Protein backbone atom coordinates (compact mmCIF):
# COMPACT_ATOMS: atom_id res chain seq x y z
CA MET A 1 -30.62 16.51 -8.41
CA ARG A 2 -26.93 15.76 -8.53
CA LYS A 3 -25.42 12.99 -10.11
CA ILE A 4 -25.41 9.63 -7.77
CA PRO A 5 -22.42 7.21 -8.12
CA ALA A 6 -23.59 3.68 -9.10
CA VAL A 7 -21.62 1.81 -7.04
CA LEU A 8 -19.42 2.05 -4.40
CA THR A 9 -15.74 1.80 -5.47
CA LEU A 10 -13.97 2.77 -2.02
CA THR A 11 -12.28 5.65 -4.19
CA ALA A 12 -11.95 7.35 -0.80
CA LEU A 13 -10.20 4.43 1.03
CA ALA A 14 -7.73 3.64 -1.72
CA GLY A 15 -6.59 7.57 -2.08
CA LEU A 16 -5.69 7.96 1.12
CA SER A 17 -2.25 7.37 2.15
CA LEU A 18 -1.51 5.94 5.67
CA VAL A 19 1.89 7.27 6.80
CA ALA A 20 -5.13 -16.93 17.41
CA CYS A 21 -6.45 -19.43 19.42
CA ALA A 22 -7.77 -18.42 22.81
CA PRO A 23 -11.06 -19.45 23.97
CA ALA A 24 -14.13 -16.77 22.57
CA SER A 25 -16.03 -14.70 24.90
CA ASP A 26 -19.96 -15.30 24.94
CA ALA A 27 -21.96 -13.50 21.93
CA THR A 28 -23.65 -10.38 22.17
CA SER A 29 -27.33 -9.23 21.17
CA SER A 30 -29.17 -6.26 20.24
CA ALA A 31 -32.65 -5.48 19.60
CA GLY A 32 -33.03 -9.35 19.21
CA CYS A 33 -30.10 -9.44 16.82
CA THR A 34 -27.63 -12.25 18.01
CA ARG A 35 -23.86 -11.43 17.39
CA ALA A 36 -21.27 -13.90 16.53
CA ALA A 37 -18.72 -14.36 19.30
CA GLU A 38 -15.64 -12.45 20.06
CA ASN A 39 -12.43 -13.61 20.27
CA ASP A 40 -10.07 -12.27 23.23
CA ALA A 41 -6.81 -13.36 21.49
CA VAL A 42 -7.61 -10.64 19.04
CA SER A 43 -7.29 -7.71 21.45
CA THR A 44 -4.60 -9.22 23.47
CA ALA A 45 -2.29 -9.29 20.56
CA ILE A 46 -2.91 -6.60 18.48
CA GLU A 47 -2.45 -3.25 20.12
CA VAL A 48 -4.77 -0.45 18.36
CA THR A 49 -4.58 3.58 19.44
CA GLY A 50 -6.14 6.45 18.62
CA GLU A 51 -9.84 8.11 19.34
CA PHE A 52 -12.95 6.66 17.80
CA GLY A 53 -13.83 8.21 14.48
CA GLN A 54 -9.82 9.01 14.21
CA ALA A 55 -7.12 6.95 11.99
CA PRO A 56 -6.09 4.39 14.12
CA GLN A 57 -2.13 3.24 14.81
CA LEU A 58 -1.63 -0.39 15.32
CA SER A 59 1.27 -2.39 16.28
CA LEU A 60 2.00 -6.09 16.75
CA ALA A 61 4.81 -7.89 18.98
CA GLN A 62 4.47 -10.48 16.74
CA PRO A 63 2.85 -11.46 13.18
CA PHE A 64 -0.87 -12.53 13.62
CA GLU A 65 -1.79 -15.70 11.93
CA THR A 66 -5.44 -17.10 11.51
CA ASP A 67 -6.82 -19.38 9.61
CA ARG A 68 -10.30 -17.99 10.36
CA THR A 69 -11.34 -14.47 10.78
CA VAL A 70 -12.02 -13.63 14.22
CA TYR A 71 -12.60 -10.01 15.83
CA ALA A 72 -12.65 -8.42 19.09
CA ASP A 73 -14.65 -4.92 20.19
CA LEU A 74 -12.03 -2.38 21.13
CA GLU A 75 -14.74 0.01 22.15
CA THR A 76 -18.86 -0.77 22.28
CA GLY A 77 -21.55 1.59 21.13
CA ASP A 78 -25.11 1.64 22.45
CA GLY A 79 -26.68 3.11 19.20
CA ALA A 80 -29.11 1.41 16.47
CA ALA A 81 -27.54 -2.17 15.39
CA ILE A 82 -26.62 -3.35 11.88
CA GLU A 83 -29.47 -5.84 11.72
CA ASP A 84 -29.33 -7.42 8.10
CA VAL A 85 -26.68 -6.97 5.56
CA ASP A 86 -28.90 -4.81 3.75
CA GLN A 87 -28.84 -2.05 6.29
CA PRO A 88 -27.35 1.22 5.44
CA SER A 89 -24.21 2.23 7.71
CA VAL A 90 -21.53 4.42 7.80
CA LEU A 91 -17.94 2.89 8.21
CA GLU A 92 -14.70 4.25 8.51
CA MET A 93 -11.79 1.47 8.34
CA SER A 94 -7.86 0.87 8.11
CA PHE A 95 -6.42 -1.98 6.87
CA PHE A 96 -2.87 -3.36 7.91
CA SER A 97 -0.44 -6.06 7.41
CA ALA A 98 -0.66 -9.12 9.48
CA GLU A 99 3.22 -9.54 9.26
CA THR A 100 4.28 -6.06 10.41
CA GLY A 101 1.21 -4.23 11.41
CA ASP A 102 2.28 -1.39 8.73
CA PRO A 103 -0.82 0.83 7.42
CA ILE A 104 -2.24 -0.19 3.82
CA ILE A 105 -5.24 1.30 2.75
CA GLY A 106 -7.77 3.38 4.64
CA THR A 107 -10.92 5.71 4.66
CA SER A 108 -10.56 9.63 4.80
CA TYR A 109 -11.90 9.87 8.53
CA GLY A 110 -13.69 12.95 8.15
CA GLU A 111 -11.71 14.36 5.21
CA ALA A 112 -14.98 14.27 3.26
CA ALA A 113 -18.65 13.31 4.51
CA PRO A 114 -18.98 9.23 4.34
CA THR A 115 -21.90 8.26 2.50
CA PRO A 116 -24.37 5.69 4.05
CA THR A 117 -23.65 2.55 2.24
CA SER A 118 -25.49 -0.79 2.11
CA THR A 119 -23.45 -3.21 4.28
CA SER A 120 -23.86 -5.48 1.91
CA ARG A 121 -21.50 -3.50 -0.33
CA TRP A 122 -18.65 -3.83 2.08
CA LEU A 123 -18.99 -7.73 2.60
CA ASP A 124 -18.70 -8.07 -1.29
CA LEU A 125 -14.96 -6.71 -0.84
CA PHE A 126 -14.46 -8.04 2.64
CA PRO A 127 -16.56 -11.15 3.35
CA GLY A 128 -14.93 -11.58 6.51
CA LEU A 129 -16.30 -8.76 8.24
CA GLU A 130 -19.66 -10.24 8.30
CA ASP A 131 -19.62 -11.40 11.62
CA ALA A 132 -18.02 -8.42 13.32
CA LEU A 133 -20.61 -6.03 11.64
CA LEU A 134 -23.89 -7.76 12.04
CA CYS A 135 -25.53 -6.96 15.10
CA ALA A 136 -22.78 -4.59 15.84
CA GLU A 137 -24.24 -1.21 17.22
CA GLU A 138 -23.58 2.30 16.12
CA GLY A 139 -20.16 4.00 18.23
CA THR A 140 -18.27 0.57 18.08
CA ARG A 141 -14.63 0.39 17.21
CA THR A 142 -13.52 -3.26 16.28
CA VAL A 143 -10.33 -4.80 15.14
CA VAL A 144 -10.72 -7.74 12.85
CA ALA A 145 -8.06 -10.38 12.17
CA LEU A 146 -8.99 -11.47 8.27
CA SER A 147 -8.03 -15.09 7.15
CA ASP A 148 -6.92 -15.41 3.49
CA ASP A 149 -10.77 -15.88 2.65
CA GLY A 150 -11.78 -12.81 4.14
CA VAL A 151 -10.73 -10.60 1.24
CA ALA A 152 -12.46 -10.89 -1.98
CA ASP A 153 -10.08 -11.69 -4.74
CA ALA A 154 -11.09 -8.81 -7.18
CA THR A 155 -10.73 -6.74 -3.71
CA ARG A 156 -6.86 -7.67 -3.85
CA ALA A 157 -6.35 -6.89 -7.36
CA GLN A 158 -8.04 -3.52 -7.24
CA TYR A 159 -6.03 -2.60 -4.34
CA ALA A 160 -2.61 -4.06 -5.56
CA MET A 161 -1.00 -0.96 -6.71
CA ASN A 162 -1.88 0.41 -2.98
CA GLY A 163 0.35 -2.62 -1.49
CA PHE A 164 -2.62 -4.64 -0.28
CA PRO A 165 -1.25 -8.18 -0.30
CA GLN A 166 -2.51 -10.38 -3.16
CA GLU A 167 -2.54 -13.58 -0.55
CA GLY A 168 -2.94 -14.29 3.38
CA GLY A 169 -4.58 -12.38 6.28
CA VAL A 170 -4.97 -8.86 6.87
CA ILE A 171 -5.98 -6.66 10.30
CA ALA A 172 -8.73 -4.25 9.74
CA VAL A 173 -9.69 -1.46 12.26
CA VAL A 174 -13.30 -0.56 11.75
CA ASP A 175 -15.35 2.27 13.34
CA LEU A 176 -18.90 1.92 12.74
CA ARG A 177 -20.00 5.41 12.94
CA ARG A 178 -23.61 5.61 11.85
CA VAL A 179 -26.53 2.89 11.55
CA TYR A 180 -29.67 3.85 9.45
CA PRO A 181 -33.12 2.06 8.81
CA THR A 182 -33.55 0.53 5.52
CA ALA A 183 -36.77 2.47 4.90
CA ALA A 184 -39.52 4.60 5.95
CA TRP A 185 -41.35 3.29 8.68
CA GLY A 186 -44.45 5.91 9.15
CA SER A 187 -48.09 5.67 9.23
CA PRO A 188 -50.00 5.30 5.88
CA VAL A 189 -51.46 8.54 4.79
CA TYR A 190 -54.79 8.52 2.51
CA ASN A 191 -54.44 10.82 -0.51
CA THR A 192 -57.26 12.11 -2.86
CA GLY A 193 -56.81 12.75 -6.47
CA GLY A 194 -56.51 10.49 -9.47
CA GLY A 195 -54.26 10.63 -12.42
CA LEU A 196 -51.04 10.05 -10.51
CA PRO A 197 -48.39 7.45 -10.02
CA SER A 198 -49.67 4.68 -7.52
CA VAL A 199 -46.62 3.12 -5.06
CA VAL A 200 -46.63 -0.13 -3.54
CA ARG A 201 -44.02 -1.54 -1.32
CA ASP A 202 -42.35 -4.95 -0.96
CA PRO A 203 -41.66 -6.58 2.76
CA GLN A 204 -38.27 -4.84 3.02
CA GLY A 205 -39.82 -1.10 2.25
CA ARG A 206 -38.48 -0.95 -1.34
CA PRO A 207 -41.09 0.81 -3.27
CA GLY A 208 -42.56 -0.13 -6.89
CA ILE A 209 -43.86 2.77 -8.99
CA THR A 210 -46.95 2.57 -11.37
CA VAL A 211 -47.06 5.94 -13.73
CA PRO A 212 -50.78 6.08 -15.67
CA ASP A 213 -50.87 6.36 -19.47
CA ALA A 214 -52.25 10.27 -18.81
CA GLN A 215 -50.33 13.86 -19.04
CA PRO A 216 -48.47 14.92 -16.39
CA PRO A 217 -49.30 17.26 -13.93
CA ALA A 218 -47.87 20.58 -14.94
CA ASP A 219 -46.92 21.93 -11.44
CA LEU A 220 -45.10 20.36 -8.49
CA VAL A 221 -46.86 17.49 -6.79
CA VAL A 222 -46.27 16.19 -3.50
CA GLN A 223 -47.78 13.58 -1.73
CA THR A 224 -46.89 12.17 1.66
CA LEU A 225 -47.46 8.25 1.55
CA LEU A 226 -46.20 7.35 4.71
CA GLU A 227 -46.02 9.86 7.90
CA GLY A 228 -42.89 9.41 10.01
CA ASP A 229 -42.48 10.30 13.66
CA GLY A 230 -38.93 11.93 13.52
CA PRO A 231 -37.43 15.59 13.34
CA THR A 232 -38.83 17.97 10.91
CA ILE A 233 -36.50 18.54 7.73
CA GLY A 234 -35.92 22.41 8.24
CA GLU A 235 -34.56 24.72 6.13
CA GLY A 236 -30.51 23.92 5.25
CA ASP A 237 -30.85 20.31 6.72
CA THR A 238 -29.06 17.59 5.17
CA ALA A 239 -31.82 14.64 4.62
CA VAL A 240 -30.44 11.27 4.50
CA VAL A 241 -33.03 9.24 1.77
CA GLN A 242 -33.32 6.04 0.06
CA TYR A 243 -35.14 7.01 -3.28
CA THR A 244 -36.33 5.68 -6.67
CA GLY A 245 -36.52 8.09 -9.60
CA VAL A 246 -38.94 7.46 -12.76
CA LEU A 247 -39.22 9.10 -16.09
CA TRP A 248 -43.25 9.68 -16.27
CA ASP A 249 -43.12 9.66 -20.10
CA GLU A 250 -41.26 6.36 -20.12
CA LYS A 251 -42.47 4.86 -17.18
CA THR A 252 -38.81 3.36 -16.41
CA VAL A 253 -36.38 3.90 -13.54
CA PHE A 254 -33.49 6.24 -14.41
CA ASP A 255 -31.62 6.21 -10.72
CA SER A 256 -32.42 4.05 -7.33
CA SER A 257 -30.41 3.86 -4.18
CA TRP A 258 -31.59 0.80 -3.86
CA GLU A 259 -29.91 -0.40 -6.56
CA ASN A 260 -26.80 1.02 -6.38
CA GLY A 261 -26.45 0.46 -2.53
CA SER A 262 -25.85 3.98 -1.22
CA LEU A 263 -28.26 6.38 0.23
CA LEU A 264 -28.10 9.86 -0.68
CA LEU A 265 -27.53 12.80 1.45
CA ALA A 266 -29.64 15.46 0.04
CA THR A 267 -27.91 18.70 0.63
CA PRO A 268 -29.13 21.92 0.53
CA GLY A 269 -28.33 23.60 -3.07
CA GLY A 270 -27.13 20.49 -4.15
CA MET A 271 -30.15 18.85 -5.20
CA ILE A 272 -32.71 19.90 -8.28
CA PRO A 273 -35.56 22.11 -6.75
CA GLY A 274 -38.51 20.07 -6.87
CA PHE A 275 -36.14 17.60 -5.03
CA GLU A 276 -35.57 20.06 -2.36
CA GLN A 277 -39.12 21.43 -2.03
CA ALA A 278 -40.75 17.83 -1.75
CA LEU A 279 -38.50 17.20 1.35
CA GLN A 280 -39.09 20.86 3.05
CA GLY A 281 -41.49 20.19 6.17
CA GLN A 282 -41.54 16.41 6.23
CA LYS A 283 -40.64 14.36 9.17
CA VAL A 284 -38.00 11.96 9.19
CA GLY A 285 -39.38 7.86 8.77
CA SER A 286 -41.64 9.32 6.07
CA GLN A 287 -42.21 8.43 2.31
CA VAL A 288 -42.89 11.02 -0.21
CA MET A 289 -43.93 10.70 -3.75
CA ALA A 290 -42.66 13.92 -5.70
CA VAL A 291 -44.07 14.58 -9.29
CA ILE A 292 -41.44 17.09 -10.82
CA PRO A 293 -42.24 18.88 -13.65
CA PRO A 294 -39.21 20.06 -16.17
CA GLU A 295 -38.42 23.38 -14.83
CA LEU A 296 -38.00 22.20 -11.32
CA GLY A 297 -35.85 19.04 -12.79
CA TYR A 298 -33.53 19.14 -15.48
CA GLY A 299 -35.57 21.35 -17.70
CA GLU A 300 -34.38 21.69 -21.72
CA GLN A 301 -31.06 20.28 -21.32
CA GLY A 302 -31.80 17.12 -19.70
CA SER A 303 -28.99 15.21 -17.63
CA GLY A 304 -26.82 12.84 -19.53
CA ALA A 305 -28.07 9.80 -21.56
CA THR A 306 -30.70 8.66 -18.57
CA ILE A 307 -32.85 12.10 -18.34
CA PRO A 308 -34.05 13.19 -21.63
CA ALA A 309 -35.10 17.11 -22.00
CA ASP A 310 -38.16 18.06 -20.80
CA ALA A 311 -38.65 15.31 -18.49
CA THR A 312 -41.33 15.16 -16.04
CA LEU A 313 -39.80 13.27 -12.83
CA VAL A 314 -41.32 10.86 -10.47
CA PHE A 315 -39.48 10.23 -7.03
CA VAL A 316 -40.33 8.19 -4.31
CA ILE A 317 -38.11 9.06 -1.45
CA ASP A 318 -38.15 7.55 2.00
CA ILE A 319 -36.28 9.92 4.61
CA VAL A 320 -34.31 7.70 6.97
CA GLY A 321 -32.32 10.37 8.66
CA VAL A 322 -31.60 13.97 8.86
CA GLU A 323 -28.15 16.26 9.62
CA GLU A 324 -29.44 19.13 11.11
CA THR A 325 -27.95 22.78 10.77
CA PRO A 326 -26.12 23.41 13.60
CA ALA A 327 -27.42 26.51 15.66
CA SER A 328 -25.64 29.48 15.33
């Protein structure tokens, strides 16, 4: 398996150089999720041009000042909604000066495949985005006027060299590209055979793995723990997964998307062989356990300081989406 970044640092956002008192409208809701109210003054005073999914342009007739964060949707999607802060999503966003409307920083807008990331990771950086993001639906473009406290102090310091203002508000344009389930949702599957790890799930679906005091199997073992009802992962498809990886001998977690906040895009040829084989033929919505022998993992060399040589690996994988290979 390829090495997964431990945290989202918004490197892509920093690396891209991009050449209030009206009455609020009613809140919207989706799938039982009630969204905070929009503020019409935002869309009236701030002009945004450009298509959804592409870098926006912004202009201001005058500085936009606000003592509280307010937002308005410019386009409303009809896909899945972000129902809680732990839900993974793919966001593209640009930030502009609230004084001049000049661009400051922004994401890459399709130059690289965005990683689905826990919404809470973005809120750690920009807490003012919470009302705009929670209960928003896939396909929505939103303009957000962030007040001074809508941006974390650490974020201002991190992007100071990119011209991010060290005080005061900024304006964000946010495109909600994709929303994924947090965990697998399939039906339980009965598995026979002893001597294998056991898996339990907390109410959010996060797995806990107990490895037995026994010799690991010599060959790859794949068990479907929950069988989903979504599309089947075919050859060449990229699966979108949550995962937890445990060392059999040490019985310790060496990597987990649940901890680092970013889902894995399991691209063909980019993963260790045992991980790829465990996904083939599985359905979206399934949870799979894979016990991977060294020759289908990291072999005699191991991987860095976390995976020793000749390590048998245990993965519990929640398949929450798939990017299918386009038909030729």
